[in-house]
Amino acid sequence: MYAYETGEARRLAHGAVLASGRFVCVTALALAVSSVGAEAKKKSNPVEEQILDPANGEPLTLVISLKDQKMDVYRGVTLITTTKVSTGTSSYPTKAGVFSILEKQRYHHSNMYSAAPMPWMQRLTRSGTALHGGVVPGYPASHGCIRLPFSFAPKLFEITTGGENVVVAYDPSKPRFVEHSVLFEPVSPASDANLTEQNSSTADHEVDTSNPTDQETRTETVIRSDDTLVGIVDAGSSAPLRILVTRQTERDRIIAVQYLLSSMGYLTPQKFSGRLGAETVAAIKAFQKANGVRETGSYSDDLAKQVYKVAGKDKLPEGHLFVRQQFRPVFDVPVSFRNPEQTLGTHLFTALFDAGETKPRWMAISLEGDDAMRVLDRIQIPTYVRQKIAEKLTPGSSLIVADKSINSAVLPKGDDFLVSAKDTQVVAQKPEAKTKHAQMAQAKSKGSNRSARTHTLTRTHTLARSDTLARSKTSSRRNTLARNNTSARRNELARSSTWDRELYGFNAPGMDRPRFFRWRWRQCGGTSC
């Protein structure tokens, strides 16, 4: 009772309440921190939430829009997911075209840009273009790669297997079903069985195409002596075919001339690469000498026409067809186009069917150029080539039609077609995405503008002061002249206004002007008042 009355108990109760409150606050804060940590740990593993992929056997296609900075993932023609991306800047642009995933690495570092980390890397080219996890600010910010959000890159990594088509276009593109007679159809199971029985006597082995004398293994290797098939054919593979129809390059024409010279005995049969070495130069000179042409030893289109004419072939073909499978060459052959002066554009066709079916569905994605169906109308593929492709056609096989491709005739094993769109439009960066150089240039520009304004103001002030001084001097001279003129006029008036004695009636000769009349004369201006 005494303690309470003196206030001791009251102080103890107040301290106990404060201690309890502190304990409750600390406990709540600890629980909040632990829950946030648990949530962060949960979010740090984005692979837990997988992409809802039906995995129905249809091929996977990645379609990237440079304009929208977005990637759509299709399973067949079904859109399964979408994500934002960040492509190359205007200084390091991402090229538009058709590519395929060459390899995958969970941990990778750039071999071009200071070993920068590139997690969940999926390579598209050997020259610095890949899909990988990175910062996606909403505008182009990379050195040419295609950055994926860190939360999305592992999910995509999980569902790709390698070899998938990757379409990079400026505008958004969507797949659609198409039907056309040029698109290939697989042979029926019965026909395939007959072909297998016919070829069963031939041993299954791989033959080097540099040995053209091995003519007994044409089911595995077909050597081209002019414009027929050439390459390695893996008879039992079920991997999708990669077919490219494109315009012939100079290298393709040189290779064709080399094979024709070889068939006529001017060159030793081998696998030619389009390189104009000493042996090829000697063969060209020998051909020119034999046909009465000036010996130059150099290649030209006129030489190619002469070689085709002597070999009994038609005119130079405009296009070429290449077939690859499992990242290695199968065969290639020249093809022709109707209206070759018109562009082909860039188009991707993919076959959708199950093993054993003979009527595939083809889907098309167009990047640029004319309508895909009208482009197919212009392609002329020999019948025996179509038959050879039909024998090898597997689910997921694709046909690319393009004006431009890079080194398709000499791609090494492990690489795939590099098809680029004819004109890749530059994607404009957002104003806030300024580089260090741009900021420095802007600062210099501001400094120069400030200096120019200061110089202009200084000149203006100098001119103003000069003008003021000139006006002051002019005014001073005018005032001085005015005062001098006034004084001169006054003196002249004073001299000319003499006293007239008769005017005021003082005619006496000895009288002078009195003070009064002198004042009146001044007051009245020298006249009588």
Protein backbone atom coordinates (compact mmCIF):
# COMPACT_ATOMS: atom_id res chain seq x y z
CA MET A 1 0.00 0.00 0.00
CA TYR A 2 2.81 2.32 0.82
CA ALA A 3 4.67 1.46 -2.43
CA TYR A 4 1.60 2.12 -4.52
CA GLU A 5 0.87 5.37 -2.78
CA THR A 6 4.41 6.56 -3.19
CA GLY A 7 4.26 5.68 -6.95
CA GLU A 8 6.82 2.85 -6.92
CA ALA A 9 4.31 0.21 -8.06
CA ARG A 10 3.02 2.54 -10.73
CA ARG A 11 6.52 2.94 -12.18
CA LEU A 12 7.06 -0.84 -12.11
CA ALA A 13 3.77 -1.45 -13.95
CA HIS A 14 4.60 1.15 -16.58
CA GLY A 15 8.04 -0.42 -17.16
CA ALA A 16 6.50 -3.88 -17.50
CA VAL A 17 4.05 -2.63 -20.14
CA LEU A 18 6.86 -1.01 -22.12
CA ALA A 19 8.97 -4.20 -21.98
CA SER A 20 6.03 -6.29 -23.17
CA GLY A 21 5.42 -3.89 -26.05
CA ARG A 22 9.06 -4.05 -27.11
CA PHE A 23 9.01 -7.84 -27.01
CA VAL A 24 5.87 -8.00 -29.15
CA CYS A 25 7.39 -5.60 -31.74
CA VAL A 26 10.66 -7.52 -31.93
CA THR A 27 8.79 -10.82 -32.33
CA ALA A 28 6.58 -9.42 -35.12
CA LEU A 29 9.63 -8.00 -36.93
CA ALA A 30 11.44 -11.33 -36.72
CA LEU A 31 8.43 -13.17 -38.11
CA ALA A 32 8.13 -10.65 -40.97
CA VAL A 33 11.82 -11.00 -41.85
CA SER A 34 11.62 -14.79 -41.79
CA SER A 35 8.53 -14.77 -44.03
CA VAL A 36 10.21 -12.38 -46.50
CA GLY A 37 13.30 -14.59 -46.56
CA ALA A 38 11.18 -17.67 -47.19
CA GLU A 39 9.34 -15.88 -50.00
CA ALA A 40 12.65 -14.72 -51.49
CA LYS A 41 13.98 -18.26 -51.38
CA LYS A 42 10.82 -19.46 -53.03
CA LYS A 43 11.10 -16.85 -55.81
CA SER A 44 14.83 -17.41 -56.31
CA ASN A 45 14.14 -20.75 -57.95
CA PRO A 46 11.99 -19.84 -60.97
CA VAL A 47 12.25 -23.35 -62.43
CA GLU A 48 9.65 -24.55 -59.93
CA GLU A 49 6.91 -22.97 -62.07
CA GLN A 50 7.38 -24.64 -65.44
CA ILE A 51 6.05 -23.46 -68.79
CA LEU A 52 2.76 -25.18 -69.58
CA ASP A 53 4.10 -27.05 -72.61
CA PRO A 54 1.75 -29.67 -74.08
CA ALA A 55 4.80 -31.54 -75.51
CA ASN A 56 2.54 -33.18 -78.11
CA GLY A 57 5.38 -34.01 -80.47
CA GLU A 58 4.95 -30.93 -82.63
CA PRO A 59 8.08 -28.81 -83.17
CA LEU A 60 8.92 -25.88 -80.94
CA THR A 61 9.41 -22.49 -82.63
CA LEU A 62 10.66 -19.27 -81.03
CA VAL A 63 9.47 -16.05 -82.70
CA ILE A 64 11.17 -12.80 -81.62
CA SER A 65 9.93 -9.32 -82.53
CA LEU A 66 12.63 -6.65 -82.58
CA LYS A 67 10.02 -3.92 -82.77
CA ASP A 68 8.03 -5.06 -79.72
CA GLN A 69 11.04 -6.51 -77.81
CA LYS A 70 9.02 -9.66 -77.22
CA MET A 71 9.37 -13.40 -77.76
CA ASP A 72 6.52 -15.82 -78.45
CA VAL A 73 7.02 -19.57 -77.98
CA TYR A 74 4.89 -21.83 -80.19
CA ARG A 75 4.32 -25.55 -80.04
CA GLY A 76 3.16 -26.11 -83.59
CA VAL A 77 0.78 -23.21 -84.15
CA THR A 78 -0.25 -23.03 -80.48
CA LEU A 79 1.15 -20.14 -78.45
CA ILE A 80 2.30 -21.56 -75.10
CA THR A 81 4.07 -18.58 -73.52
CA THR A 82 5.31 -15.03 -74.11
CA THR A 83 8.07 -12.98 -72.52
CA LYS A 84 9.80 -9.63 -72.86
CA VAL A 85 13.34 -9.61 -74.26
CA SER A 86 16.15 -7.14 -74.83
CA THR A 87 17.96 -7.30 -78.16
CA GLY A 88 21.02 -5.50 -79.53
CA THR A 89 21.46 -1.74 -79.55
CA SER A 90 21.88 0.33 -82.70
CA SER A 91 25.67 -0.03 -82.33
CA TYR A 92 25.44 -3.82 -81.89
CA PRO A 93 22.20 -4.77 -83.65
CA THR A 94 20.60 -8.19 -83.53
CA LYS A 95 20.25 -9.44 -87.11
CA ALA A 96 16.84 -10.50 -88.33
CA GLY A 97 16.65 -13.95 -89.91
CA VAL A 98 16.08 -17.66 -89.30
CA PHE A 99 18.42 -19.54 -86.98
CA SER A 100 18.46 -22.72 -84.92
CA ILE A 101 19.70 -23.57 -81.43
CA LEU A 102 23.19 -25.02 -81.96
CA GLU A 103 24.15 -25.78 -78.36
CA LYS A 104 23.11 -25.16 -74.76
CA GLN A 105 25.18 -24.35 -71.67
CA ARG A 106 23.89 -23.77 -68.14
CA TYR A 107 26.93 -21.68 -67.21
CA HIS A 108 28.65 -19.70 -69.93
CA HIS A 109 30.85 -16.62 -70.19
CA SER A 110 31.23 -14.44 -73.25
CA ASN A 111 34.40 -14.97 -75.27
CA MET A 112 33.99 -11.55 -76.91
CA TYR A 113 32.94 -9.10 -74.20
CA SER A 114 35.19 -9.39 -71.12
CA ALA A 115 33.94 -12.83 -70.10
CA ALA A 116 30.51 -11.42 -69.24
CA PRO A 117 28.26 -14.05 -67.60
CA MET A 118 25.61 -15.56 -69.89
CA PRO A 119 23.56 -18.01 -67.78
CA TRP A 120 21.19 -20.45 -69.46
CA MET A 121 22.92 -19.81 -72.80
CA GLN A 122 21.45 -21.22 -76.03
CA ARG A 123 23.71 -20.47 -78.99
CA LEU A 124 22.29 -19.29 -82.33
CA THR A 125 25.49 -18.36 -84.21
CA ARG A 126 29.24 -18.80 -83.76
CA SER A 127 29.78 -15.06 -84.03
CA GLY A 128 28.18 -13.76 -80.86
CA THR A 129 24.40 -14.26 -80.96
CA ALA A 130 22.66 -16.35 -78.32
CA LEU A 131 19.68 -16.55 -76.00
CA HIS A 132 20.64 -16.13 -72.35
CA GLY A 133 19.45 -14.72 -69.05
CA GLY A 134 20.14 -11.05 -68.45
CA VAL A 135 18.76 -7.67 -67.51
CA VAL A 136 15.67 -6.80 -69.57
CA PRO A 137 15.04 -3.07 -69.17
CA GLY A 138 12.29 -2.88 -71.79
CA TYR A 139 14.40 -1.57 -74.69
CA PRO A 140 17.41 -2.78 -76.78
CA ALA A 141 20.43 -2.93 -74.46
CA SER A 142 22.59 -5.93 -75.42
CA HIS A 143 25.66 -6.41 -77.65
CA GLY A 144 23.68 -8.46 -80.18
CA CYS A 145 22.42 -11.31 -78.00
CA ILE A 146 18.79 -11.80 -77.04
CA ARG A 147 18.43 -11.32 -73.30
CA LEU A 148 15.72 -13.21 -71.46
CA PRO A 149 14.47 -12.38 -67.96
CA PHE A 150 16.34 -14.30 -65.26
CA SER A 151 13.03 -15.84 -64.19
CA PHE A 152 12.22 -17.06 -67.72
CA ALA A 153 15.59 -18.23 -69.10
CA PRO A 154 15.76 -21.48 -67.06
CA LYS A 155 12.18 -22.35 -67.95
CA LEU A 156 12.91 -22.07 -71.67
CA PHE A 157 16.16 -23.97 -71.15
CA GLU A 158 14.18 -26.88 -69.75
CA ILE A 159 11.85 -27.37 -72.74
CA THR A 160 14.31 -26.91 -75.63
CA THR A 161 16.39 -29.84 -76.87
CA GLY A 162 18.54 -28.18 -79.56
CA GLY A 163 17.83 -27.67 -83.24
CA GLU A 164 14.64 -25.65 -82.72
CA ASN A 165 13.91 -22.92 -85.24
CA VAL A 166 14.38 -19.36 -83.97
CA VAL A 167 12.78 -16.61 -86.05
CA VAL A 168 14.01 -13.05 -85.47
CA ALA A 169 11.86 -10.48 -87.29
CA TYR A 170 11.31 -6.76 -87.00
CA ASP A 171 7.51 -6.97 -86.94
CA PRO A 172 5.56 -9.59 -84.97
CA SER A 173 5.02 -12.82 -86.95
CA LYS A 174 2.60 -15.68 -86.35
CA PRO A 175 2.56 -19.21 -87.83
CA ARG A 176 -0.33 -20.27 -90.05
CA PHE A 177 -1.27 -23.43 -91.91
CA VAL A 178 -0.61 -23.52 -95.68
CA GLU A 179 -1.01 -26.05 -98.48
CA HIS A 180 1.04 -26.09 -101.70
CA SER A 181 2.22 -28.67 -104.21
CA VAL A 182 5.86 -27.61 -103.83
CA LEU A 183 5.86 -28.60 -100.15
CA PHE A 184 7.16 -32.13 -99.68
CA GLU A 185 5.22 -35.20 -98.59
CA PRO A 186 6.75 -38.31 -96.98
CA VAL A 187 6.61 -41.63 -98.83
CA SER A 188 4.13 -44.26 -97.69
CA PRO A 189 5.28 -47.01 -95.31
CA ALA A 190 5.01 -49.61 -98.11
CA SER A 191 7.22 -47.61 -100.43
CA ASP A 192 9.66 -47.03 -97.60
CA ALA A 193 9.82 -50.78 -96.91
CA ASN A 194 10.57 -51.49 -100.56
CA LEU A 195 13.33 -48.94 -100.57
CA THR A 196 14.78 -50.45 -97.40
CA GLU A 197 14.72 -53.93 -98.91
CA GLN A 198 16.44 -52.70 -102.06
CA ASN A 199 19.17 -51.02 -100.05
CA SER A 200 19.62 -53.81 -97.50
CA SER A 201 22.39 -55.38 -99.54
CA THR A 202 24.46 -52.24 -99.15
CA ALA A 203 26.54 -52.09 -95.99
CA ASP A 204 25.63 -49.36 -93.53
CA HIS A 205 28.67 -47.15 -93.35
CA GLU A 206 29.58 -43.54 -93.80
CA VAL A 207 31.72 -42.61 -96.79
CA ASP A 208 33.88 -39.54 -97.20
CA THR A 209 32.65 -37.41 -100.09
CA SER A 210 36.23 -36.55 -100.95
CA ASN A 211 36.51 -40.05 -102.47
CA PRO A 212 34.51 -39.80 -105.70
CA THR A 213 35.54 -43.24 -106.96
CA ASP A 214 33.34 -45.04 -104.46
CA GLN A 215 30.34 -45.46 -106.76
CA GLU A 216 29.01 -48.62 -105.11
CA THR A 217 27.68 -46.76 -102.08
CA ARG A 218 25.42 -44.29 -103.82
CA THR A 219 22.61 -45.08 -101.37
CA GLU A 220 24.79 -43.57 -98.66
CA THR A 221 26.85 -41.07 -100.62
CA VAL A 222 25.98 -39.48 -103.93
CA ILE A 223 28.85 -37.66 -105.64
CA ARG A 224 27.97 -34.75 -107.90
CA SER A 225 29.90 -34.51 -111.13
CA ASP A 226 27.79 -31.67 -112.50
CA ASP A 227 24.41 -30.70 -111.09
CA THR A 228 23.32 -33.91 -109.38
CA LEU A 229 23.14 -34.71 -105.69
CA VAL A 230 26.16 -34.64 -103.46
CA GLY A 231 26.65 -35.19 -99.75
CA ILE A 232 26.38 -37.64 -96.90
CA VAL A 233 23.01 -39.30 -96.33
CA ASP A 234 22.36 -40.92 -92.95
CA ALA A 235 19.82 -43.53 -93.99
CA GLY A 236 18.44 -44.38 -90.56
CA SER A 237 18.14 -40.98 -88.88
CA SER A 238 14.77 -39.75 -87.64
CA ALA A 239 16.01 -36.22 -86.90
CA PRO A 240 14.22 -33.43 -88.74
CA LEU A 241 15.59 -32.28 -92.08
CA ARG A 242 16.69 -28.69 -92.56
CA ILE A 243 16.08 -27.65 -96.18
CA LEU A 244 17.16 -24.29 -97.59
CA VAL A 245 16.25 -22.82 -100.98
CA THR A 246 18.21 -19.66 -101.68
CA ARG A 247 19.91 -17.73 -104.44
CA GLN A 248 23.25 -18.96 -105.69
CA THR A 249 26.24 -17.03 -104.47
CA GLU A 250 29.51 -16.66 -106.34
CA ARG A 251 30.97 -19.38 -104.16
CA ASP A 252 28.16 -21.75 -105.16
CA ARG A 253 28.85 -21.05 -108.84
CA ILE A 254 32.58 -21.63 -108.40
CA ILE A 255 31.87 -24.99 -106.76
CA ALA A 256 29.57 -25.93 -109.66
CA VAL A 257 32.30 -24.99 -112.19
CA GLN A 258 34.86 -27.01 -110.23
CA TYR A 259 32.64 -30.12 -110.37
CA LEU A 260 32.05 -29.62 -114.10
CA LEU A 261 35.79 -29.21 -114.76
CA SER A 262 36.34 -32.35 -112.71
CA SER A 263 33.79 -34.29 -114.78
CA MET A 264 35.60 -33.18 -117.97
CA GLY A 265 38.98 -34.28 -116.65
CA TYR A 266 40.53 -30.89 -115.92
CA LEU A 267 40.44 -31.33 -112.12
CA THR A 268 41.05 -34.24 -109.80
CA PRO A 269 37.70 -35.39 -108.31
CA GLN A 270 37.36 -34.29 -104.69
CA LYS A 271 35.05 -32.40 -102.34
CA PHE A 272 35.31 -28.82 -103.59
CA SER A 273 34.87 -25.75 -101.40
CA GLY A 274 34.84 -22.89 -103.91
CA ARG A 275 38.42 -21.85 -103.19
CA LEU A 276 40.40 -20.77 -106.25
CA GLY A 277 43.64 -22.56 -105.46
CA ALA A 278 46.58 -23.29 -107.77
CA GLU A 279 44.98 -26.53 -109.02
CA THR A 280 41.74 -24.78 -109.95
CA VAL A 281 43.60 -21.93 -111.67
CA ALA A 282 45.61 -24.45 -113.72
CA ALA A 283 42.41 -26.30 -114.65
CA ILE A 284 40.74 -23.05 -115.80
CA LYS A 285 43.77 -22.18 -117.95
CA ALA A 286 43.76 -25.66 -119.47
CA PHE A 287 40.04 -25.35 -120.26
CA GLN A 288 40.53 -21.91 -121.80
CA LYS A 289 43.44 -23.13 -123.92
CA ALA A 290 41.49 -26.13 -125.13
CA ASN A 291 38.54 -23.98 -126.17
CA GLY A 292 40.49 -21.15 -127.80
CA VAL A 293 39.86 -18.61 -125.07
CA ARG A 294 42.45 -16.21 -123.68
CA GLU A 295 44.14 -17.85 -120.72
CA THR A 296 43.49 -15.83 -117.57
CA GLY A 297 43.06 -18.51 -114.92
CA SER A 298 40.47 -16.37 -113.15
CA TYR A 299 36.79 -17.04 -112.53
CA SER A 300 34.00 -14.95 -114.05
CA ASP A 301 30.37 -15.45 -114.99
CA ASP A 302 31.40 -15.59 -118.65
CA LEU A 303 33.74 -18.48 -117.82
CA ALA A 304 30.93 -20.27 -115.97
CA LYS A 305 28.65 -19.91 -119.01
CA GLN A 306 31.36 -21.35 -121.29
CA VAL A 307 31.95 -24.29 -118.94
CA TYR A 308 28.21 -25.01 -118.77
CA LYS A 309 27.94 -24.80 -122.56
CA VAL A 310 30.86 -27.16 -123.21
CA ALA A 311 29.52 -29.59 -120.59
CA GLY A 312 26.14 -29.63 -122.36
CA LYS A 313 24.25 -28.08 -119.49
CA ASP A 314 21.55 -25.46 -119.47
CA LYS A 315 22.11 -21.87 -118.48
CA LEU A 316 23.46 -20.98 -115.06
CA PRO A 317 20.88 -21.82 -112.36
CA GLU A 318 19.59 -18.96 -110.24
CA GLY A 319 19.10 -20.89 -107.01
CA HIS A 320 20.44 -23.69 -104.88
CA LEU A 321 18.87 -26.22 -102.55
CA PHE A 322 20.74 -27.46 -99.47
CA VAL A 323 19.70 -30.25 -97.11
CA ARG A 324 21.18 -30.78 -93.65
CA GLN A 325 20.36 -33.18 -90.86
CA GLN A 326 21.76 -33.38 -87.33
CA PHE A 327 23.95 -30.32 -88.07
CA ARG A 328 25.77 -31.91 -90.99
CA PRO A 329 25.30 -31.80 -94.79
CA VAL A 330 23.12 -34.35 -96.54
CA PHE A 331 23.13 -33.11 -100.14
CA ASP A 332 22.71 -30.00 -102.26
CA VAL A 333 21.60 -29.34 -105.83
CA PRO A 334 20.93 -26.34 -108.11
CA VAL A 335 17.32 -25.23 -108.62
CA SER A 336 15.59 -22.62 -110.80
CA PHE A 337 13.16 -19.79 -110.17
CA ARG A 338 10.44 -18.30 -112.27
CA ASN A 339 10.89 -14.54 -112.57
CA PRO A 340 14.32 -14.67 -110.91
CA GLU A 341 14.59 -10.88 -110.91
CA GLN A 342 11.90 -10.71 -108.22
CA THR A 343 12.87 -11.08 -104.59
CA LEU A 344 12.03 -14.20 -102.62
CA GLY A 345 11.78 -12.64 -99.18
CA THR A 346 12.36 -14.78 -96.09
CA HIS A 347 9.94 -17.57 -95.17
CA LEU A 348 9.98 -20.60 -92.87
CA PHE A 349 7.82 -23.68 -93.51
CA THR A 350 7.61 -26.52 -90.95
CA ALA A 351 6.08 -29.98 -91.44
CA LEU A 352 3.64 -31.22 -88.76
CA PHE A 353 2.83 -34.93 -88.91
CA ASP A 354 3.31 -38.15 -86.99
CA ALA A 355 5.59 -40.98 -88.07
CA GLY A 356 3.80 -43.15 -90.63
CA GLU A 357 1.54 -40.40 -91.94
CA THR A 358 1.81 -39.43 -95.60
CA LYS A 359 -0.12 -36.17 -95.56
CA PRO A 360 1.67 -33.60 -93.43
CA ARG A 361 0.38 -30.20 -92.44
CA TRP A 362 2.76 -27.37 -93.17
CA MET A 363 2.82 -24.14 -91.19
CA ALA A 364 4.44 -20.94 -92.50
CA ILE A 365 6.02 -17.89 -90.89
CA SER A 366 6.95 -14.98 -93.17
CA LEU A 367 9.55 -12.42 -92.11
CA GLU A 368 9.54 -10.21 -95.20
CA GLY A 369 8.81 -10.14 -98.92
CA ASP A 370 5.95 -11.39 -101.04
CA ASP A 371 3.21 -13.76 -99.92
CA ALA A 372 4.61 -17.20 -99.08
CA MET A 373 2.26 -19.01 -101.45
CA ARG A 374 3.24 -16.86 -104.44
CA VAL A 375 6.92 -17.45 -103.64
CA LEU A 376 6.38 -21.22 -103.65
CA ASP A 377 4.77 -20.91 -107.10
CA ARG A 378 8.10 -19.66 -108.49
CA ILE A 379 10.35 -22.47 -107.16
CA GLN A 380 11.19 -25.29 -109.60
CA ILE A 381 12.67 -28.38 -107.91
CA PRO A 382 13.62 -31.42 -110.05
CA THR A 383 11.49 -34.53 -109.57
CA TYR A 384 14.37 -36.77 -108.49
CA VAL A 385 15.30 -34.24 -105.80
CA ARG A 386 11.75 -34.21 -104.48
CA GLN A 387 11.78 -38.00 -104.38
CA LYS A 388 15.03 -38.05 -102.46
CA ILE A 389 13.69 -35.57 -99.91
CA ALA A 390 10.40 -37.48 -99.60
CA GLU A 391 12.36 -40.60 -98.64
CA LYS A 392 14.12 -38.72 -95.86
CA LEU A 393 11.31 -36.43 -94.65
CA THR A 394 10.68 -36.75 -90.91
CA PRO A 395 8.28 -35.00 -88.50
CA GLY A 396 9.41 -31.47 -87.70
CA SER A 397 11.39 -31.02 -90.92
CA SER A 398 11.58 -27.45 -92.15
CA LEU A 399 11.99 -25.59 -95.44
CA ILE A 400 13.53 -22.11 -95.50
CA VAL A 401 13.15 -19.88 -98.57
CA ALA A 402 15.37 -16.80 -98.54
CA ASP A 403 17.27 -14.41 -100.77
CA LYS A 404 20.39 -14.42 -98.62
CA SER A 405 22.31 -17.05 -96.68
CA ILE A 406 25.87 -17.17 -95.37
CA ASN A 407 28.34 -19.88 -96.48
CA SER A 408 25.65 -22.54 -96.81
CA ALA A 409 27.81 -24.66 -99.14
CA VAL A 410 30.74 -24.97 -96.74
CA LEU A 411 29.13 -25.09 -93.30
CA PRO A 412 31.10 -27.42 -91.02
CA LYS A 413 29.62 -30.21 -88.99
CA GLY A 414 27.89 -28.80 -85.91
CA ASP A 415 26.66 -25.64 -87.60
CA ASP A 416 23.39 -24.83 -89.30
CA PHE A 417 22.03 -22.42 -91.91
CA LEU A 418 22.51 -18.71 -91.26
CA VAL A 419 19.66 -16.98 -93.06
CA SER A 420 19.47 -13.22 -92.64
CA ALA A 421 16.68 -10.92 -93.70
CA LYS A 422 17.60 -8.60 -96.52
CA ASP A 423 17.16 -5.34 -94.60
CA THR A 424 17.27 -5.35 -90.82
CA GLN A 425 15.60 -2.20 -89.56
CA VAL A 426 17.29 -0.42 -86.69
CA VAL A 427 15.34 -0.53 -83.45
CA ALA A 428 15.33 2.92 -81.83
CA GLN A 429 16.47 3.13 -78.24
CA LYS A 430 14.36 4.86 -75.64
CA PRO A 431 15.53 8.33 -74.55
CA GLU A 432 16.41 7.12 -71.07
CA ALA A 433 18.67 4.41 -72.45
CA LYS A 434 21.57 6.75 -73.15
CA THR A 435 25.08 5.43 -73.33
CA LYS A 436 28.04 7.05 -71.62
CA HIS A 437 29.27 8.42 -74.93
CA ALA A 438 25.88 9.96 -75.63
CA GLN A 439 25.84 11.59 -72.20
CA MET A 440 29.34 13.01 -72.73
CA ALA A 441 28.34 14.31 -76.14
CA GLN A 442 25.25 15.90 -74.67
CA ALA A 443 27.31 17.53 -71.90
CA LYS A 444 29.75 18.90 -74.48
CA SER A 445 26.84 20.17 -76.54
CA LYS A 446 25.38 21.93 -73.49
CA GLY A 447 28.77 23.48 -72.70
CA SER A 448 29.21 24.72 -76.24
CA ASN A 449 25.67 26.12 -76.28
CA ARG A 450 26.30 27.91 -72.97
CA SER A 451 29.56 29.35 -74.32
CA ALA A 452 27.80 30.47 -77.48
CA ARG A 453 25.05 32.16 -75.48
CA THR A 454 27.65 33.91 -73.25
CA HIS A 455 29.55 35.10 -76.31
CA THR A 456 26.35 36.35 -77.89
CA LEU A 457 25.37 38.23 -74.72
CA THR A 458 28.85 39.78 -74.45
CA ARG A 459 28.70 40.96 -78.02
CA THR A 460 25.21 42.33 -77.46
CA HIS A 461 26.30 44.24 -74.36
CA THR A 462 29.38 45.62 -76.14
CA LEU A 463 27.30 46.79 -79.07
CA ALA A 464 24.76 48.33 -76.70
CA ARG A 465 27.47 50.23 -74.80
CA SER A 466 29.05 51.41 -78.06
CA ASP A 467 25.67 52.56 -79.31
CA THR A 468 24.99 54.39 -76.03
CA LEU A 469 28.36 56.14 -76.14
CA ALA A 470 27.81 57.11 -79.78
CA ARG A 471 24.39 58.50 -78.99
CA SER A 472 25.82 60.39 -75.97
CA LYS A 473 28.59 61.91 -78.07
CA THR A 474 26.16 62.87 -80.81
CA SER A 475 23.78 64.41 -78.29
CA SER A 476 26.66 66.28 -76.65
CA ARG A 477 27.83 67.58 -79.99
CA ARG A 478 24.29 68.65 -80.86
CA ASN A 479 23.86 70.42 -77.52
CA THR A 480 27.20 72.20 -77.91
CA LEU A 481 26.33 73.32 -81.41
CA ALA A 482 22.90 74.44 -80.22
CA ARG A 483 24.37 76.48 -77.38
CA ASN A 484 26.99 78.02 -79.68
CA ASN A 485 24.32 78.92 -82.24
CA THR A 486 22.09 80.46 -79.56
CA SER A 487 24.94 82.49 -78.12
CA ALA A 488 25.95 83.61 -81.62
CA ARG A 489 22.41 84.65 -82.42
CA ARG A 490 22.13 86.55 -79.14
CA ASN A 491 25.41 88.36 -79.76
CA GLU A 492 24.33 89.20 -83.27
CA LEU A 493 21.01 90.55 -82.05
CA ALA A 494 22.74 92.53 -79.36
CA ARG A 495 25.10 94.07 -81.86
CA SER A 496 22.38 94.86 -84.40
CA SER A 497 19.84 96.29 -81.85
CA THR A 498 21.45 99.74 -81.24
CA TRP A 499 19.71 102.52 -79.28
CA ASP A 500 17.51 104.84 -81.37
CA ARG A 501 17.26 108.14 -79.56
CA GLU A 502 14.45 109.47 -81.71
CA LEU A 503 12.33 106.43 -81.03
CA TYR A 504 11.78 107.40 -77.41
CA GLY A 505 11.71 111.20 -77.93
CA PHE A 506 15.12 111.91 -76.55
CA ASN A 507 16.47 113.93 -79.35
CA ALA A 508 18.78 116.08 -77.42
CA PRO A 509 22.23 115.32 -78.50
CA GLY A 510 23.60 115.07 -75.03
CA MET A 511 20.94 112.77 -73.58
CA ASP A 512 21.59 109.13 -72.96
CA ARG A 513 19.21 106.24 -72.32
CA PRO A 514 17.77 106.29 -68.88
CA ARG A 515 17.67 103.11 -66.83
CA PHE A 516 13.90 102.87 -67.09
CA PHE A 517 13.74 102.89 -70.85
CA ARG A 518 16.64 100.56 -71.07
CA TRP A 519 14.63 98.01 -69.10
CA ARG A 520 11.54 98.63 -71.21
CA TRP A 521 13.53 98.07 -74.35
CA ARG A 522 14.73 94.75 -73.11
CA GLN A 523 11.28 93.77 -71.95
CA CYS A 524 9.60 94.65 -75.23
CA GLY A 525 12.26 93.04 -77.38
CA GLY A 526 13.71 96.24 -78.75
CA THR A 527 10.38 97.74 -79.94
CA SER A 528 8.29 100.49 -78.53
CA CYS A 529 5.75 99.44 -75.92
